[in-house]
Amino acid sequence: MRTTDGAVLALTRKLVARASVTPDDGGCQDLMVDHLAPLGFAVKRLAFGDVRNFWARRGTNGPLFVFAGHTDVVPTGPLDAWASPPFVPEIRDGHLYGRGTADMKSSLAAMLVAVRRFLRNHDGHTGSIGFLITSDEEGPAIDGTARVMQWLQERDTAIDYCLVGEPSSRERIGDVVRVGRRGSLSASLTVKGVQGHVAYPEAASNPIHSVLGALHDLARREWDQGNAFFPPTSFQISNINAGTGASNVIPGELTAQFNFRFNTEQTADGLRAQAHAALEASGAEFELAWATPGQPFLTRPGRLTQAVLDAVRDIAGLTVETSTGGGTSDGRFIAPAGAEVVELGPVNATIHKVDENVAVADLESLARMYERVLENLLAG
């Protein structure tokens, strides 16, 4: 087994020590660029609004293989709930603790180390290697990867293969690889009523009563049965609020938020239409504001998928489960342009949690997997 030089761990610690709560980058991208520029990457920094991004490429020929990821992290939550400060990386019992260790600064470190090692052995490789890095994945995701993809398309730059470093693994590094994601469609609902005394309902209009049946119908509805690649579409109400807090007052307004996680059997337009029809049938006076949807995507078996599965088998000896589960990722912005997109990253058991951590041994394994993917695709 190859001995580790500790480079992935050291680089992960440096990245985690930079507080980068979305959309703040905290200097992480400067650190990454400092590693890539000496390797011959041409770097373009792309700032949109408060979001920092960069695009880096080495080579001009095809195919173009891209590592994609994000430097921003979610908020820490209560600091006193952490066993150690979230931006002071600490090793305990073979795990590295800190915000972003799993999601996804260890992946970024593994990418950088993998590329350096690959170029040391394959300087004359075929094709090109790129990096697409943003600080807007954990936030609104408007001025990050979506804008960079628009910038690339305006310059006729087409990505052939993209490996996203999201934490895909379930129990062991590499046991699950994401080959797609469900779409996400969110809505904010406002239902108007007339406030009044509960003893005089004839003089009021209760928005809870008017819309409850429609929301129940949407929650109980079977939207589809899924397909060979995706689970069934789901509908979830995440927030609902009404009332003044007094027990004798009929509320004058109800607000709610709900979300669809949908597969390729549905479209965002179709789901909007069905939700609107159900609310219209209730007779309630309402307004709906829809968030920009994330479309579902699927990478069918092909050269990238095989390269990743072979890499995990060679390094970890695992038979990999391919999945489209989990939340959304920036792969939804990259796949529509025609790229094959696969997600491979750390174990996701602690992401977004207090005391987020990653196994130290997994860091080297992930770098070796990434290096092997490069060898499988570009070594010639």
Protein backbone atom coordinates (compact mmCIF):
# COMPACT_ATOMS: atom_id res chain seq x y z
CA MET A 1 0.00 0.00 0.00
CA ARG A 2 1.28 3.44 -0.90
CA THR A 3 2.53 5.46 2.07
CA THR A 4 0.96 8.86 2.64
CA ASP A 5 2.97 12.08 2.74
CA GLY A 6 0.29 13.78 4.83
CA ALA A 7 -0.39 16.36 2.14
CA VAL A 8 -4.16 15.87 2.04
CA LEU A 9 -4.53 16.16 5.80
CA ALA A 10 -2.33 19.25 5.97
CA LEU A 11 -4.20 20.99 3.17
CA THR A 12 -7.60 20.05 4.60
CA ARG A 13 -6.60 21.58 7.93
CA LYS A 14 -5.54 24.80 6.23
CA LEU A 15 -8.87 25.04 4.40
CA VAL A 16 -10.98 24.25 7.47
CA ALA A 17 -9.10 26.91 9.47
CA ARG A 18 -10.41 29.54 7.05
CA ALA A 19 -13.90 30.47 8.25
CA SER A 20 -15.98 30.56 5.08
CA VAL A 21 -19.64 30.65 6.06
CA THR A 22 -21.62 31.11 2.86
CA PRO A 23 -21.13 33.22 0.78
CA ASP A 24 -17.80 34.14 2.36
CA ASP A 25 -14.83 32.32 0.86
CA GLY A 26 -12.50 33.12 3.74
CA GLY A 27 -9.40 32.96 1.53
CA CYS A 28 -9.88 29.29 0.58
CA GLN A 29 -9.82 29.99 -3.14
CA ASP A 30 -6.57 31.95 -2.84
CA LEU A 31 -5.03 28.88 -1.22
CA MET A 32 -6.30 26.63 -4.01
CA VAL A 33 -5.08 28.97 -6.75
CA ASP A 34 -1.65 29.11 -5.10
CA HIS A 35 -1.46 25.33 -5.57
CA LEU A 36 -2.80 25.26 -9.13
CA ALA A 37 -0.92 28.12 -10.78
CA PRO A 38 2.55 26.53 -10.40
CA LEU A 39 1.17 23.36 -12.03
CA GLY A 40 0.43 25.26 -15.24
CA PHE A 41 -3.24 26.07 -14.72
CA ALA A 42 -4.57 29.28 -16.24
CA VAL A 43 -6.85 30.78 -13.61
CA LYS A 44 -9.76 33.16 -14.10
CA ARG A 45 -11.31 34.63 -10.97
CA LEU A 46 -15.03 35.30 -11.40
CA ALA A 47 -16.82 37.46 -8.85
CA PHE A 48 -20.59 37.87 -9.15
CA GLY A 49 -22.22 39.97 -6.45
CA ASP A 50 -20.85 38.85 -3.07
CA VAL A 51 -19.82 35.46 -4.45
CA ARG A 52 -16.28 34.47 -5.35
CA ASN A 53 -15.68 31.80 -7.97
CA PHE A 54 -12.78 30.68 -10.06
CA TRP A 55 -12.25 28.68 -13.23
CA ALA A 56 -8.87 27.03 -13.81
CA ARG A 57 -7.76 24.98 -16.78
CA ARG A 58 -4.59 23.18 -17.80
CA GLY A 59 -4.47 22.26 -21.48
CA THR A 60 -6.54 23.20 -24.49
CA ASN A 61 -7.45 19.86 -26.04
CA GLY A 62 -10.38 17.60 -25.35
CA PRO A 63 -11.72 15.80 -23.53
CA LEU A 64 -12.10 18.32 -20.71
CA PHE A 65 -12.29 16.75 -17.25
CA VAL A 66 -13.35 19.08 -14.43
CA PHE A 67 -13.27 18.88 -10.65
CA ALA A 68 -16.14 20.92 -9.21
CA GLY A 69 -16.75 21.96 -5.63
CA HIS A 70 -17.45 24.72 -3.14
CA THR A 71 -15.44 26.52 -0.47
CA ASP A 72 -18.42 27.86 1.49
CA VAL A 73 -19.83 26.04 4.51
CA VAL A 74 -23.07 26.22 6.49
CA PRO A 75 -23.21 28.18 9.78
CA THR A 76 -21.73 26.45 12.81
CA GLY A 77 -24.74 26.56 15.11
CA PRO A 78 -24.13 27.13 18.86
CA LEU A 79 -20.38 27.33 19.44
CA ASP A 80 -20.70 25.94 22.94
CA ALA A 81 -22.22 22.76 21.51
CA TRP A 82 -18.95 21.91 19.72
CA ALA A 83 -16.36 19.81 21.51
CA SER A 84 -13.69 21.95 19.84
CA PRO A 85 -13.91 25.28 17.95
CA PRO A 86 -15.39 24.61 14.48
CA PHE A 87 -12.68 26.53 12.62
CA VAL A 88 -9.80 25.13 14.64
CA PRO A 89 -9.33 21.68 13.05
CA GLU A 90 -8.58 19.04 15.66
CA ILE A 91 -7.83 15.32 15.41
CA ARG A 92 -9.52 13.05 17.96
CA ASP A 93 -9.73 9.27 17.79
CA GLY A 94 -8.62 9.15 14.17
CA HIS A 95 -11.09 11.78 12.95
CA LEU A 96 -10.52 15.37 11.87
CA TYR A 97 -13.14 17.69 13.39
CA GLY A 98 -14.24 21.08 12.09
CA ARG A 99 -16.88 22.77 9.98
CA GLY A 100 -16.40 21.77 6.36
CA THR A 101 -14.22 18.73 7.00
CA ALA A 102 -16.72 16.48 5.20
CA ASP A 103 -18.67 19.08 3.22
CA MET A 104 -16.44 19.56 1.37
CA LYS A 105 -12.98 20.91 2.12
CA SER A 106 -11.41 17.46 2.39
CA SER A 107 -12.59 16.80 -1.16
CA LEU A 108 -10.99 20.04 -2.37
CA ALA A 109 -7.72 19.10 -0.72
CA ALA A 110 -7.87 15.61 -2.23
CA MET A 111 -8.48 17.08 -5.69
CA LEU A 112 -5.44 19.34 -5.46
CA VAL A 113 -3.15 16.58 -4.21
CA ALA A 114 -4.48 14.10 -6.78
CA VAL A 115 -3.81 16.51 -9.67
CA ARG A 116 -0.28 17.26 -8.44
CA ARG A 117 0.53 13.56 -8.20
CA PHE A 118 -1.08 12.77 -11.56
CA LEU A 119 0.90 15.49 -13.35
CA ARG A 120 4.12 14.28 -11.76
CA ASN A 121 3.62 10.90 -13.46
CA HIS A 122 1.65 11.94 -16.56
CA ASP A 123 2.79 15.40 -17.57
CA GLY A 124 2.01 14.60 -21.22
CA HIS A 125 -1.54 13.43 -20.54
CA THR A 126 -4.30 13.65 -23.11
CA GLY A 127 -7.11 16.19 -22.85
CA SER A 128 -7.41 18.99 -20.30
CA ILE A 129 -8.04 19.30 -16.56
CA GLY A 130 -10.23 22.01 -15.07
CA PHE A 131 -11.47 23.29 -11.72
CA LEU A 132 -14.83 25.00 -11.19
CA ILE A 133 -14.97 26.31 -7.62
CA THR A 134 -17.62 28.52 -5.98
CA SER A 135 -18.49 30.02 -2.59
CA ASP A 136 -22.25 29.92 -3.27
CA GLU A 137 -23.29 26.27 -3.04
CA GLU A 138 -24.64 26.33 0.51
CA GLY A 139 -26.50 29.60 -0.09
CA PRO A 140 -28.94 30.77 -2.78
CA ALA A 141 -26.76 29.18 -5.50
CA ILE A 142 -27.51 32.03 -7.91
CA ASP A 143 -24.13 33.71 -8.39
CA GLY A 144 -22.00 30.60 -8.16
CA THR A 145 -21.76 27.57 -10.43
CA ALA A 146 -24.83 28.61 -12.43
CA ARG A 147 -23.16 31.90 -13.40
CA VAL A 148 -19.82 30.26 -14.12
CA MET A 149 -21.52 27.77 -16.43
CA GLN A 150 -23.18 30.65 -18.26
CA TRP A 151 -19.77 32.32 -18.56
CA LEU A 152 -18.26 29.12 -19.97
CA GLN A 153 -21.06 28.61 -22.48
CA GLU A 154 -20.65 32.17 -23.73
CA ARG A 155 -17.05 31.20 -24.53
CA ASP A 156 -17.99 27.90 -26.17
CA THR A 157 -16.24 25.90 -23.44
CA ALA A 158 -17.87 22.49 -23.08
CA ILE A 159 -17.15 20.20 -20.14
CA ASP A 160 -17.02 16.52 -21.08
CA TYR A 161 -16.59 14.92 -17.64
CA CYS A 162 -17.21 16.47 -14.23
CA LEU A 163 -16.48 14.96 -10.83
CA VAL A 164 -18.18 16.83 -7.97
CA GLY A 165 -16.65 16.30 -4.55
CA GLU A 166 -19.90 16.31 -2.56
CA PRO A 167 -19.93 13.86 0.39
CA SER A 168 -21.61 10.93 -1.33
CA SER A 169 -20.44 8.03 0.83
CA ARG A 170 -22.73 6.42 3.40
CA GLU A 171 -20.63 4.20 5.69
CA ARG A 172 -17.28 3.71 3.94
CA ILE A 173 -15.43 6.02 1.61
CA GLY A 174 -16.58 5.25 -1.93
CA ASP A 175 -19.47 2.93 -1.06
CA VAL A 176 -21.99 5.25 -2.75
CA VAL A 177 -21.48 7.30 -5.91
CA ARG A 178 -24.14 9.76 -7.02
CA VAL A 179 -24.95 9.60 -10.72
CA GLY A 180 -27.82 12.09 -10.57
CA ARG A 181 -30.01 14.11 -8.26
CA ARG A 182 -33.70 14.80 -7.89
CA GLY A 183 -35.04 18.21 -8.80
CA SER A 184 -36.12 20.65 -6.11
CA LEU A 185 -39.03 23.07 -6.38
CA SER A 186 -40.04 25.29 -3.45
CA ALA A 187 -43.01 27.60 -2.92
CA SER A 188 -44.14 30.22 -0.43
CA LEU A 189 -47.91 30.30 0.01
CA THR A 190 -49.97 33.17 1.43
CA VAL A 191 -53.68 32.62 2.09
CA LYS A 192 -55.87 35.64 2.81
CA GLY A 193 -58.76 35.58 5.28
CA VAL A 194 -60.68 38.01 7.44
CA GLN A 195 -59.68 38.31 11.10
CA GLY A 196 -62.46 38.13 13.67
CA HIS A 197 -63.79 36.71 16.92
CA VAL A 198 -64.07 32.93 17.13
CA ALA A 199 -67.60 33.32 18.53
CA TYR A 200 -68.71 35.13 15.36
CA PRO A 201 -67.33 33.06 12.46
CA GLU A 202 -70.01 34.44 10.13
CA ALA A 203 -68.24 37.81 10.35
CA ALA A 204 -64.80 36.42 9.54
CA SER A 205 -63.06 34.08 7.09
CA ASN A 206 -60.62 31.53 8.45
CA PRO A 207 -57.69 30.95 6.04
CA ILE A 208 -56.68 27.79 7.91
CA HIS A 209 -60.05 26.18 7.25
CA SER A 210 -60.12 27.30 3.63
CA VAL A 211 -56.77 25.82 2.63
CA LEU A 212 -56.26 22.88 4.98
CA GLY A 213 -58.06 20.42 2.70
CA ALA A 214 -55.98 21.40 -0.32
CA LEU A 215 -52.71 21.06 1.58
CA HIS A 216 -53.83 17.69 2.92
CA ASP A 217 -54.64 16.58 -0.63
CA LEU A 218 -51.21 17.63 -1.89
CA ALA A 219 -49.46 15.89 1.02
CA ARG A 220 -51.36 12.62 0.52
CA ARG A 221 -51.16 12.52 -3.27
CA GLU A 222 -49.08 9.88 -5.04
CA TRP A 223 -47.30 11.89 -7.68
CA ASP A 224 -45.62 8.93 -9.38
CA GLN A 225 -43.91 5.66 -8.54
CA GLY A 226 -40.45 6.76 -9.54
CA ASN A 227 -38.47 4.86 -12.15
CA ALA A 228 -35.41 2.67 -12.50
CA PHE A 229 -33.11 5.52 -11.51
CA PHE A 230 -35.15 7.73 -9.14
CA PRO A 231 -37.42 7.28 -6.11
CA PRO A 232 -41.00 8.63 -6.22
CA THR A 233 -41.61 12.38 -6.21
CA SER A 234 -42.33 13.73 -2.74
CA PHE A 235 -44.18 16.77 -1.38
CA GLN A 236 -43.38 18.18 2.06
CA ILE A 237 -44.74 21.17 3.99
CA SER A 238 -41.80 22.66 5.87
CA ASN A 239 -43.42 25.66 7.57
CA ILE A 240 -46.98 26.81 8.33
CA ASN A 241 -47.96 29.86 10.38
CA ALA A 242 -51.21 31.61 11.25
CA GLY A 243 -52.87 33.32 14.19
CA THR A 244 -52.12 36.01 16.72
CA GLY A 245 -51.36 33.68 19.58
CA ALA A 246 -54.75 34.33 21.15
CA SER A 247 -57.21 31.43 21.38
CA ASN A 248 -60.27 33.57 20.62
CA VAL A 249 -59.12 35.21 17.37
CA ILE A 250 -59.71 33.86 13.87
CA PRO A 251 -56.51 34.64 11.92
CA GLY A 252 -56.54 36.96 8.95
CA GLU A 253 -53.69 35.29 7.10
CA LEU A 254 -51.86 31.98 6.76
CA THR A 255 -48.37 31.53 5.36
CA ALA A 256 -46.75 28.23 4.46
CA GLN A 257 -43.72 26.87 2.65
CA PHE A 258 -43.56 23.59 0.80
CA ASN A 259 -41.16 21.70 -1.41
CA PHE A 260 -41.25 19.08 -4.14
CA ARG A 261 -38.32 16.70 -4.64
CA PHE A 262 -39.06 15.37 -8.08
CA ASN A 263 -37.73 12.82 -10.52
CA THR A 264 -37.59 12.73 -14.30
CA GLU A 265 -41.22 11.61 -14.47
CA GLN A 266 -42.22 15.19 -13.56
CA THR A 267 -41.47 18.72 -14.70
CA ALA A 268 -41.36 21.89 -12.61
CA ASP A 269 -44.07 23.44 -14.77
CA GLY A 270 -46.32 20.42 -14.35
CA LEU A 271 -45.93 20.39 -10.56
CA ARG A 272 -46.64 24.11 -10.36
CA ALA A 273 -49.82 23.62 -12.37
CA GLN A 274 -51.05 20.74 -10.20
CA ALA A 275 -50.41 22.62 -6.95
CA HIS A 276 -52.14 25.73 -8.28
CA ALA A 277 -55.16 23.69 -9.41
CA ALA A 278 -55.52 22.07 -5.98
CA LEU A 279 -55.42 25.44 -4.25
CA GLU A 280 -57.83 26.98 -6.75
CA ALA A 281 -60.30 24.16 -6.10
CA SER A 282 -60.30 25.06 -2.38
CA GLY A 283 -61.84 28.43 -3.10
CA ALA A 284 -59.22 30.13 -0.92
CA GLU A 285 -57.80 33.53 -1.80
CA PHE A 286 -54.09 32.86 -2.15
CA GLU A 287 -50.77 33.91 -3.63
CA LEU A 288 -47.93 31.57 -4.59
CA ALA A 289 -44.29 32.57 -5.02
CA TRP A 290 -42.08 29.89 -6.54
CA ALA A 291 -38.34 29.60 -6.02
CA THR A 292 -36.04 28.93 -8.96
CA PRO A 293 -36.12 25.15 -9.41
CA GLY A 294 -33.23 22.76 -9.54
CA GLN A 295 -33.91 20.33 -12.37
CA PRO A 296 -33.28 16.60 -11.97
CA PHE A 297 -30.29 15.18 -13.80
CA LEU A 298 -29.00 11.71 -14.54
CA THR A 299 -25.68 10.49 -15.88
CA ARG A 300 -26.26 7.13 -17.51
CA PRO A 301 -23.50 4.51 -17.58
CA GLY A 302 -20.63 5.79 -19.66
CA ARG A 303 -16.91 6.47 -19.64
CA LEU A 304 -16.89 8.72 -16.55
CA THR A 305 -19.09 6.43 -14.48
CA GLN A 306 -16.93 3.45 -15.32
CA ALA A 307 -13.74 5.36 -14.55
CA VAL A 308 -15.07 6.27 -11.09
CA LEU A 309 -16.39 2.78 -10.30
CA ASP A 310 -13.08 1.23 -11.36
CA ALA A 311 -11.15 3.73 -9.23
CA VAL A 312 -13.16 2.92 -6.10
CA ARG A 313 -12.78 -0.82 -6.74
CA ASP A 314 -9.03 -0.51 -7.24
CA ILE A 315 -8.37 1.68 -4.19
CA ALA A 316 -10.99 0.50 -1.69
CA GLY A 317 -11.97 -2.92 -3.02
CA LEU A 318 -15.64 -1.98 -2.93
CA THR A 319 -18.60 -2.77 -5.14
CA VAL A 320 -20.20 0.63 -5.46
CA GLU A 321 -23.86 1.56 -5.15
CA THR A 322 -24.88 4.19 -7.70
CA SER A 323 -27.58 6.50 -6.38
CA THR A 324 -29.65 9.58 -7.21
CA GLY A 325 -30.71 10.16 -3.59
CA GLY A 326 -29.92 13.00 -1.23
CA GLY A 327 -30.46 16.71 -1.67
CA THR A 328 -29.47 18.94 -4.54
CA SER A 329 -25.95 19.73 -5.69
CA ASP A 330 -24.30 22.04 -8.19
CA GLY A 331 -24.25 19.13 -10.60
CA ARG A 332 -27.73 20.33 -11.59
CA PHE A 333 -26.13 23.37 -13.26
CA ILE A 334 -23.37 21.43 -15.02
CA ALA A 335 -25.22 18.40 -16.42
CA PRO A 336 -27.71 20.34 -18.63
CA ALA A 337 -24.80 21.62 -20.74
CA GLY A 338 -24.08 18.03 -21.81
CA ALA A 339 -21.43 16.96 -19.32
CA GLU A 340 -21.33 13.56 -17.67
CA VAL A 341 -21.50 14.34 -13.94
CA VAL A 342 -20.66 12.00 -11.05
CA GLU A 343 -20.33 12.80 -7.34
CA LEU A 344 -17.75 11.06 -5.16
CA GLY A 345 -16.74 12.31 -1.75
CA PRO A 346 -16.45 11.61 1.99
CA VAL A 347 -18.89 9.88 4.34
CA ASN A 348 -21.84 12.21 4.86
CA ALA A 349 -22.97 11.11 8.36
CA THR A 350 -21.96 14.39 10.06
CA ILE A 351 -22.45 17.02 7.36
CA HIS A 352 -24.16 20.22 8.56
CA LYS A 353 -24.05 18.88 12.13
CA VAL A 354 -22.26 20.03 15.26
CA ASP A 355 -18.86 18.30 15.47
CA GLU A 356 -18.70 17.61 11.74
CA ASN A 357 -15.79 15.29 11.04
CA VAL A 358 -14.07 13.00 8.56
CA ALA A 359 -11.89 9.95 9.14
CA VAL A 360 -8.25 10.89 8.66
CA ALA A 361 -7.57 7.61 6.83
CA ASP A 362 -10.25 8.48 4.28
CA LEU A 363 -8.42 11.61 3.15
CA GLU A 364 -5.60 9.70 1.50
CA SER A 365 -8.01 7.14 0.06
CA LEU A 366 -10.08 9.88 -1.56
CA ALA A 367 -7.02 11.51 -3.12
CA ARG A 368 -5.92 8.15 -4.52
CA MET A 369 -9.41 7.57 -5.97
CA TYR A 370 -9.36 10.96 -7.65
CA GLU A 371 -5.88 10.31 -9.02
CA ARG A 372 -6.98 6.95 -10.38
CA VAL A 373 -9.99 8.55 -12.11
CA LEU A 374 -7.60 10.94 -13.87
CA GLU A 375 -5.43 8.00 -14.90
CA ASN A 376 -8.43 6.06 -16.21
CA LEU A 377 -9.60 8.99 -18.34
CA LEU A 378 -6.52 10.98 -19.36
CA ALA A 379 -3.36 8.91 -18.92
CA GLY A 380 -3.49 7.92 -22.59
